[in-house]
């Protein structure tokens, strides 16, 4: 739709105007030829005029009547509408919710790092104020551009300036309770849902601050909009900074793993050292116990080596020295042991070794005489 009369004629009624001109020609021609020609001309003109003044307003729209391009201070609701042909027209305005998406916005934070994001507006024109809106602007879109878009970047910069980069780059883990790991699976699921809701509310509050700041501007005409909402999406943080943060986190995690492994190895080494020490102590105690047992056995054996025991063993293994019997006293001998050979006496009777050559002379025949038969008698 155009906003002036002539453009309306040319846009909506070009063929209607041709029909009207031809109908007028037919009316005058009927005067000279036949009245039926004039009747056809009148019918054609009436049909063209009716079509030119008839408008249909769709549901969800309102109509504003413009007289010679100027809007009248009232609206027409959905339905058919008749206006004066050629001098009035109806401009229909959609008063349903409208969406406006702005992509690729960028703002600087307190830590001098940029954040990238998209903003989406959903607004509804105020139907009753449409005539005043059209008197000031060419349409609802222009009213929105002037009221909102002209100050959007500066308002966003002011809202984001107090925040640090890390405060805006919030993760779900930032909203979880400190004792999350000790919770049961059901409690963890509930904590996850609460954390996601808190994260969403965090960004919703930022969007609300932006909208409140926009509506506080002098150029914003609240009466032109019955409602307006704002949402922020597609947050994009500095890729290089994010990569650096990720590298730092990975390095920290690897360092913690190495420290944990070293601690485990230290504990294992300490445990192995203690085990070796305990083993050595046990071996020393075993050796000491064995030595003590052997000493005790040796002492017991030493205590059992009495003269009688020695004589008994000699009598068993050397019967020519002692004779042993299990009987009681035998002629006054001890324990059934009878002396068979006087070893000490025999040793005393051995000749003395004399290195003098004279001592090596032949023995005395008397000394070599036969032994006394009584001395060699049978025992």
Protein backbone atom coordinates (compact mmCIF):
# COMPACT_ATOMS: atom_id res chain seq x y z
CA UNK A 1 0.00 0.00 0.00
CA UNK A 2 1.10 3.52 -0.68
CA UNK A 3 0.41 6.53 1.47
CA UNK A 4 -0.88 9.02 -1.07
CA UNK A 5 -3.89 9.27 -3.34
CA UNK A 6 -2.18 9.13 -6.71
CA UNK A 7 -0.10 6.11 -5.90
CA UNK A 8 -3.26 4.46 -4.60
CA UNK A 9 -5.00 5.10 -7.89
CA UNK A 10 -2.18 3.66 -9.89
CA UNK A 11 -1.52 0.70 -7.65
CA UNK A 12 -5.04 -0.47 -6.88
CA UNK A 13 -7.22 1.07 -9.59
CA UNK A 14 -5.30 1.19 -12.83
CA UNK A 15 -7.71 -1.14 -14.58
CA UNK A 16 -10.66 0.33 -12.69
CA UNK A 17 -9.75 3.76 -14.00
CA UNK A 18 -9.63 2.44 -17.55
CA UNK A 19 -13.04 0.83 -17.05
CA UNK A 20 -14.48 4.08 -15.68
CA UNK A 21 -13.14 6.10 -18.62
CA UNK A 22 -14.56 3.58 -21.07
CA UNK A 23 -17.90 3.61 -19.20
CA UNK A 24 -18.13 7.39 -19.43
CA UNK A 25 -17.40 7.22 -23.16
CA UNK A 26 -20.16 4.61 -23.50
CA UNK A 27 -22.65 6.84 -21.66
CA UNK A 28 -22.08 9.71 -24.08
CA UNK A 29 -22.12 7.35 -27.04
CA UNK A 30 -25.53 6.05 -25.96
CA UNK A 31 -26.96 9.52 -26.20
CA UNK A 32 -26.26 9.56 -29.91
CA UNK A 33 -26.81 5.92 -30.78
CA UNK A 34 -28.86 3.87 -28.32
CA UNK A 35 -29.75 4.17 -24.69
CA UNK A 36 -28.57 0.60 -23.99
CA UNK A 37 -24.99 1.66 -24.64
CA UNK A 38 -25.32 4.36 -21.98
CA UNK A 39 -26.77 1.83 -19.55
CA UNK A 40 -23.81 -0.48 -20.03
CA UNK A 41 -21.45 2.44 -19.43
CA UNK A 42 -23.21 3.38 -16.18
CA UNK A 43 -23.03 -0.23 -14.91
CA UNK A 44 -19.32 -0.43 -15.72
CA UNK A 45 -18.61 2.84 -13.90
CA UNK A 46 -20.55 1.72 -10.80
CA UNK A 47 -18.75 -1.63 -10.65
CA UNK A 48 -15.36 0.08 -10.96
CA UNK A 49 -16.21 2.60 -8.25
CA UNK A 50 -17.47 -0.14 -5.92
CA UNK A 51 -14.34 -2.22 -6.40
CA UNK A 52 -12.19 0.85 -5.85
CA UNK A 53 -13.86 1.72 -2.51
CA UNK A 54 -14.12 -1.83 -1.17
CA UNK A 55 -11.46 -3.28 1.18
CA UNK A 56 -11.31 -6.54 3.14
CA UNK A 57 -9.34 -6.54 6.40
CA UNK A 58 -7.93 -9.93 7.42
CA UNK A 59 -8.06 -11.42 10.91
CA UNK A 60 -5.12 -10.29 13.04
CA UNK A 61 -4.95 -6.99 11.18
CA UNK A 62 -6.49 -3.55 11.59
CA UNK A 63 -7.25 -1.00 8.92
CA UNK A 64 -6.34 2.67 8.99
CA UNK A 65 -8.25 4.91 6.60
CA UNK A 66 -6.11 7.51 4.89
CA UNK A 67 -7.68 10.56 3.35
CA UNK A 68 -5.46 12.13 0.73
CA UNK A 69 -2.51 10.23 2.30
CA UNK A 70 -3.17 11.29 5.91
CA UNK A 71 -4.36 8.66 8.42
CA UNK A 72 -7.67 9.21 10.14
CA UNK A 73 -7.53 8.89 13.99
CA UNK A 74 -9.42 5.59 14.18
CA UNK A 75 -9.06 2.04 12.99
CA UNK A 76 -11.19 -0.54 11.23
CA UNK A 77 -11.30 -4.04 12.61
CA UNK A 78 -11.18 -7.23 10.60
CA UNK A 79 -13.93 -7.54 7.98
CA UNK A 80 -15.22 -5.67 4.90
CA UNK A 81 -14.74 -1.92 4.70
CA UNK A 82 -16.07 0.72 2.24
CA UNK A 83 -14.37 4.06 1.68
CA UNK A 84 -14.73 6.89 -0.78
CA UNK A 85 -13.18 5.81 -4.04
CA UNK A 86 -10.03 7.54 -5.24
CA UNK A 87 -9.83 9.94 -2.29
CA UNK A 88 -9.64 7.42 0.57
CA UNK A 89 -7.70 4.21 0.99
CA UNK A 90 -7.25 1.62 3.74
CA UNK A 91 -3.84 0.51 4.94
CA UNK A 92 -3.94 -2.78 6.80
CA UNK A 93 -1.46 -3.34 9.65
CA UNK A 94 -0.55 -6.70 11.17
CA UNK A 95 -1.01 -6.38 14.92
CA UNK A 96 0.08 -9.93 15.77
CA UNK A 97 3.39 -10.86 17.33
CA UNK A 98 6.41 -9.93 15.26
CA UNK A 99 9.93 -11.31 15.50
CA UNK A 100 13.19 -9.52 14.88
CA UNK A 101 16.52 -11.39 14.98
CA UNK A 102 19.84 -9.59 15.19
CA UNK A 103 22.86 -11.81 14.64
CA UNK A 104 26.55 -11.28 15.21
CA UNK A 105 26.43 -8.74 18.02
CA UNK A 106 29.63 -8.17 19.99
CA UNK A 107 30.30 -6.53 23.34
CA UNK A 108 33.39 -5.95 25.44
CA UNK A 109 33.62 -7.16 29.03
CA UNK A 110 35.36 -5.86 32.11
CA UNK A 111 38.37 -8.09 31.36
CA UNK A 112 38.63 -6.61 27.82
CA UNK A 113 37.57 -9.81 26.09
CA UNK A 114 34.74 -9.79 23.56
CA UNK A 115 31.66 -11.97 23.70
CA UNK A 116 29.54 -12.68 20.63
CA UNK A 117 25.83 -13.39 20.74
CA UNK A 118 22.50 -13.09 18.94
CA UNK A 119 19.44 -11.21 20.14
CA UNK A 120 15.84 -12.00 19.29
CA UNK A 121 12.93 -9.60 19.85
CA UNK A 122 9.28 -10.56 19.93
CA UNK A 123 6.99 -7.53 20.02
CA UNK A 124 3.34 -6.76 19.44
CA UNK A 125 2.11 -3.43 18.04
CA UNK A 126 -0.54 -1.60 20.01
CA UNK A 127 -3.57 -1.68 17.69
CA UNK A 128 -5.22 1.40 19.19
CA UNK A 129 -2.08 3.47 18.62
CA UNK A 130 -1.57 2.46 15.01
CA UNK A 131 -2.99 5.76 13.60
CA UNK A 132 -0.57 7.79 15.75
CA UNK A 133 2.27 5.44 14.82
CA UNK A 134 1.56 5.91 11.10
CA UNK A 135 1.36 9.68 11.61
CA UNK A 136 4.95 9.63 12.94
CA UNK A 137 6.54 6.72 11.08
CA UNK A 138 6.04 4.95 7.78
CA UNK A 139 5.19 1.72 9.51
CA UNK A 140 5.65 -0.51 12.54
CA UNK A 141 9.09 -1.66 11.35
CA UNK A 142 10.38 1.90 11.19
CA UNK A 143 8.97 2.63 14.63
CA UNK A 144 10.82 -0.40 15.98
CA UNK A 145 14.07 0.58 14.27
CA UNK A 146 13.96 4.09 15.72
CA UNK A 147 12.77 3.07 19.18
CA UNK A 148 15.02 0.05 19.69
CA UNK A 149 17.69 -0.62 17.11
CA UNK A 150 19.34 2.81 17.17
CA UNK A 151 20.48 2.31 20.78
CA UNK A 152 20.84 -1.47 20.95
CA UNK A 153 24.65 -1.66 20.59
CA UNK A 154 25.39 1.05 23.15
CA UNK A 155 22.91 -0.41 25.65
CA UNK A 156 24.43 -3.90 25.29
CA UNK A 157 27.94 -2.54 25.83
CA UNK A 158 26.81 -0.78 29.01
CA UNK A 159 25.09 -3.90 30.32
CA UNK A 160 28.02 -6.23 29.64
CA UNK A 161 30.73 -3.84 30.86
CA UNK A 162 30.44 -4.71 34.61
CA UNK A 163 30.77 -8.45 33.93
CA UNK A 164 34.02 -10.32 33.56
CA UNK A 165 34.55 -12.73 30.72
CA UNK A 166 34.49 -15.70 33.09
CA UNK A 167 31.23 -14.56 34.71
CA UNK A 168 29.48 -14.62 31.35
CA UNK A 169 30.99 -17.92 30.25
CA UNK A 170 29.06 -19.87 32.83
CA UNK A 171 28.82 -23.65 32.71
CA UNK A 172 26.30 -25.93 34.32
CA UNK A 173 29.00 -27.10 36.72
CA UNK A 174 29.22 -23.55 38.12
CA UNK A 175 25.69 -23.90 39.50
CA UNK A 176 26.02 -27.39 40.99
CA UNK A 177 26.26 -27.84 44.80
CA UNK A 178 29.67 -28.51 46.35
CA UNK A 179 28.63 -31.94 47.63
CA UNK A 180 27.42 -33.02 44.18
CA UNK A 181 29.67 -36.10 44.02
CA UNK A 182 28.29 -37.46 47.29
CA UNK A 183 24.66 -37.28 46.12
CA UNK A 184 22.57 -40.23 45.06
CA UNK A 185 21.66 -40.63 41.34
CA UNK A 186 18.16 -39.24 41.97
CA UNK A 187 19.58 -36.25 43.84
CA UNK A 188 22.14 -35.67 41.08
CA UNK A 189 19.39 -35.59 38.44
CA UNK A 190 17.47 -33.05 40.50
CA UNK A 191 20.63 -30.97 41.04
CA UNK A 192 21.33 -31.02 37.28
CA UNK A 193 17.84 -29.74 36.50
CA UNK A 194 18.16 -26.96 39.09
CA UNK A 195 21.61 -25.99 37.75
CA UNK A 196 20.32 -25.74 34.17
CA UNK A 197 17.39 -23.62 35.34
CA UNK A 198 19.69 -21.29 37.29
CA UNK A 199 21.98 -20.95 34.28
CA UNK A 200 19.00 -20.08 32.09
CA UNK A 201 17.78 -17.53 34.63
CA UNK A 202 21.24 -15.94 34.68
CA UNK A 203 21.09 -15.15 30.96
CA UNK A 204 17.40 -14.20 31.19
CA UNK A 205 18.31 -11.55 33.78
CA UNK A 206 20.96 -10.13 31.46
CA UNK A 207 18.39 -9.93 28.65
CA UNK A 208 15.95 -8.20 31.01
CA UNK A 209 18.59 -5.59 31.87
CA UNK A 210 19.10 -4.86 28.18
CA UNK A 211 15.37 -4.50 27.55
CA UNK A 212 14.85 -2.26 30.59
CA UNK A 213 17.69 -0.03 29.45
CA UNK A 214 16.20 0.24 25.96
CA UNK A 215 12.76 1.11 27.30
CA UNK A 216 14.31 3.82 29.48
CA UNK A 217 15.55 5.72 26.43
CA UNK A 218 13.72 8.87 25.41
CA UNK A 219 13.23 7.66 21.85
CA UNK A 220 11.39 4.56 22.96
CA UNK A 221 7.62 4.96 22.54
CA UNK A 222 6.07 2.44 24.87
CA UNK A 223 2.55 3.30 23.71
CA UNK A 224 3.30 1.91 20.26
CA UNK A 225 4.00 -1.62 21.59
CA UNK A 226 1.64 -3.60 23.76
CA UNK A 227 4.38 -6.14 24.61
CA UNK A 228 8.04 -6.78 23.90
CA UNK A 229 10.41 -9.56 24.96
CA UNK A 230 14.11 -10.07 24.39
CA UNK A 231 16.23 -13.23 24.46
CA UNK A 232 19.93 -13.88 23.98
CA UNK A 233 21.19 -16.99 22.20
CA UNK A 234 24.21 -18.47 20.41
CA UNK A 235 26.78 -17.24 22.88
CA UNK A 236 30.23 -17.32 21.29
CA UNK A 237 33.26 -16.62 23.38
CA UNK A 238 36.77 -15.80 22.19
CA UNK A 239 38.00 -19.02 20.49
CA UNK A 240 41.68 -18.32 21.20
CA UNK A 241 40.95 -17.56 24.83
CA UNK A 242 38.73 -20.61 25.13
CA UNK A 243 41.50 -22.75 23.64
CA UNK A 244 43.98 -21.30 26.13
CA UNK A 245 41.61 -21.95 29.03
CA UNK A 246 41.03 -25.49 27.78
CA UNK A 247 44.78 -26.08 27.47
CA UNK A 248 45.35 -24.78 31.00
CA UNK A 249 42.60 -27.00 32.35
CA UNK A 250 43.98 -30.02 30.48
CA UNK A 251 47.50 -29.30 31.72
CA UNK A 252 46.23 -28.94 35.27
CA UNK A 253 44.37 -32.23 34.99
CA UNK A 254 47.44 -34.01 33.62
CA UNK A 255 49.57 -32.49 36.39
CA UNK A 256 47.12 -33.73 39.00
CA UNK A 257 47.22 -37.20 37.42
CA UNK A 258 51.03 -37.23 37.48
CA UNK A 259 51.10 -36.04 41.09
CA UNK A 260 48.55 -38.68 42.05
CA UNK A 261 50.56 -41.38 40.28
CA UNK A 262 53.77 -40.21 41.98
CA UNK A 263 52.03 -40.27 45.34
CA UNK A 264 50.75 -43.76 44.67
CA UNK A 265 54.22 -44.90 43.67
CA UNK A 266 55.65 -43.31 46.80
CA UNK A 267 53.08 -45.07 48.94
CA UNK A 268 53.84 -48.34 47.13
CA UNK A 269 57.60 -47.82 47.61
CA UNK A 270 57.09 -47.06 51.28
CA UNK A 271 54.92 -50.14 51.58
CA UNK A 272 57.55 -52.26 49.78
CA UNK A 273 60.28 -50.89 52.05
CA UNK A 274 58.21 -51.69 55.11
CA UNK A 275 57.55 -55.16 53.73
CA UNK A 276 61.27 -55.75 53.17
CA UNK A 277 62.02 -54.47 56.67
CA UNK A 278 59.39 -56.74 58.18
CA UNK A 279 60.76 -59.64 56.13
CA UNK A 280 64.31 -58.92 57.34
CA UNK A 281 63.15 -58.66 60.92
CA UNK A 282 61.22 -61.90 60.55
CA UNK A 283 64.30 -63.65 59.04
CA UNK A 284 66.49 -62.35 61.87
CA UNK A 285 63.99 -63.53 64.43
CA UNK A 286 63.78 -66.91 62.67
CA UNK A 287 67.57 -67.26 62.70
CA UNK A 288 67.68 -66.23 66.34
CA UNK A 289 64.92 -68.69 67.20
CA UNK A 290 66.71 -71.47 65.28
CA UNK A 291 70.01 -70.67 67.03
CA UNK A 292 68.31 -70.68 70.39
CA UNK A 293 66.68 -74.02 69.61
CA UNK A 294 69.99 -75.48 68.48
CA UNK A 295 71.72 -74.15 71.59
CA UNK A 296 69.04 -75.67 73.72
CA UNK A 297 69.42 -79.03 71.96
CA UNK A 298 73.21 -78.84 72.31
CA UNK A 299 72.86 -77.95 75.99
CA UNK A 300 70.47 -80.83 76.49
CA UNK A 301 72.85 -83.17 74.68
CA UNK A 302 75.80 -81.84 76.75
CA UNK A 303 73.84 -82.45 79.92
CA UNK A 304 73.18 -86.06 78.87
CA UNK A 305 76.92 -86.88 78.34
CA UNK A 306 77.54 -88.28 81.86
CA UNK A 307 80.48 -90.63 82.59
CA UNK A 308 78.14 -93.58 82.88
CA UNK A 309 76.62 -92.74 79.46
CA UNK A 310 80.12 -92.54 77.93
CA UNK A 311 81.11 -95.87 79.45
CA UNK A 312 77.91 -97.45 78.17
CA UNK A 313 78.56 -96.20 74.63
CA UNK A 314 82.21 -97.33 74.75
CA UNK A 315 81.14 -100.74 76.06
CA UNK A 316 78.68 -101.06 73.18
CA UNK A 317 81.06 -100.00 70.44
CA UNK A 318 84.40 -101.14 72.01
CA UNK A 319 83.67 -104.39 73.89
CA UNK A 320 87.37 -105.12 74.49
CA UNK A 321 87.61 -102.11 76.75
CA UNK A 322 84.35 -102.43 78.68
CA UNK A 323 81.74 -105.08 78.90
CA UNK A 324 78.12 -103.89 79.29
CA UNK A 325 75.15 -105.80 80.49
CA UNK A 326 71.63 -104.77 81.34
CA UNK A 327 71.72 -106.51 84.62
CA UNK A 328 72.14 -104.87 88.00
CA UNK A 329 75.35 -104.77 90.05
CA UNK A 330 77.91 -107.30 88.86
CA UNK A 331 80.66 -107.83 91.33
CA UNK A 332 80.40 -104.24 92.45
CA UNK A 333 80.75 -102.74 88.95
CA UNK A 334 78.62 -99.66 88.04
CA UNK A 335 75.53 -100.21 85.89
CA UNK A 336 76.54 -103.63 84.62
CA UNK A 337 79.84 -102.33 83.13
CA UNK A 338 82.94 -104.51 83.65
CA UNK A 339 86.42 -103.24 82.94
CA UNK A 340 88.03 -105.49 80.39
CA UNK A 341 91.25 -103.64 79.77
CA UNK A 342 93.10 -101.15 81.89
CA UNK A 343 94.03 -98.56 79.27
CA UNK A 344 95.74 -96.28 81.73
CA UNK A 345 97.95 -99.09 83.03
CA UNK A 346 98.89 -100.08 79.51
CA UNK A 347 99.88 -96.54 78.76
CA UNK A 348 102.08 -96.46 81.85
CA UNK A 349 103.85 -99.67 80.76
CA UNK A 350 104.78 -98.30 77.35
CA UNK A 351 108.59 -97.88 76.99
CA UNK A 352 110.08 -94.43 77.13
CA UNK A 353 111.43 -93.18 73.83
CA UNK A 354 115.15 -92.35 74.15
CA UNK A 355 116.97 -90.77 71.27
CA UNK A 356 120.40 -92.04 72.64
CA UNK A 357 121.88 -94.71 70.35
CA UNK A 358 122.68 -96.73 73.35
CA UNK A 359 119.06 -96.81 74.18
CA UNK A 360 118.45 -98.55 70.87
CA UNK A 361 120.50 -101.63 71.80
CA UNK A 362 118.95 -105.06 71.96
CA UNK A 363 116.56 -105.60 74.75
CA UNK A 364 117.31 -107.58 77.82
CA UNK A 365 116.51 -111.26 77.40
CA UNK A 366 114.92 -111.25 80.80
CA UNK A 367 112.60 -108.50 79.75
CA UNK A 368 111.57 -110.46 76.72
CA UNK A 369 110.90 -113.62 78.58
CA UNK A 370 107.62 -115.36 78.21
CA UNK A 371 104.82 -113.91 80.22
CA UNK A 372 103.61 -115.48 83.35
CA UNK A 373 100.87 -117.98 82.56
CA UNK A 374 98.92 -116.78 85.48
CA UNK A 375 98.88 -113.24 84.10
CA UNK A 376 97.54 -114.42 80.73
CA UNK A 377 94.90 -116.61 82.09
CA UNK A 378 91.52 -116.42 80.76
CA UNK A 379 89.33 -113.82 82.24
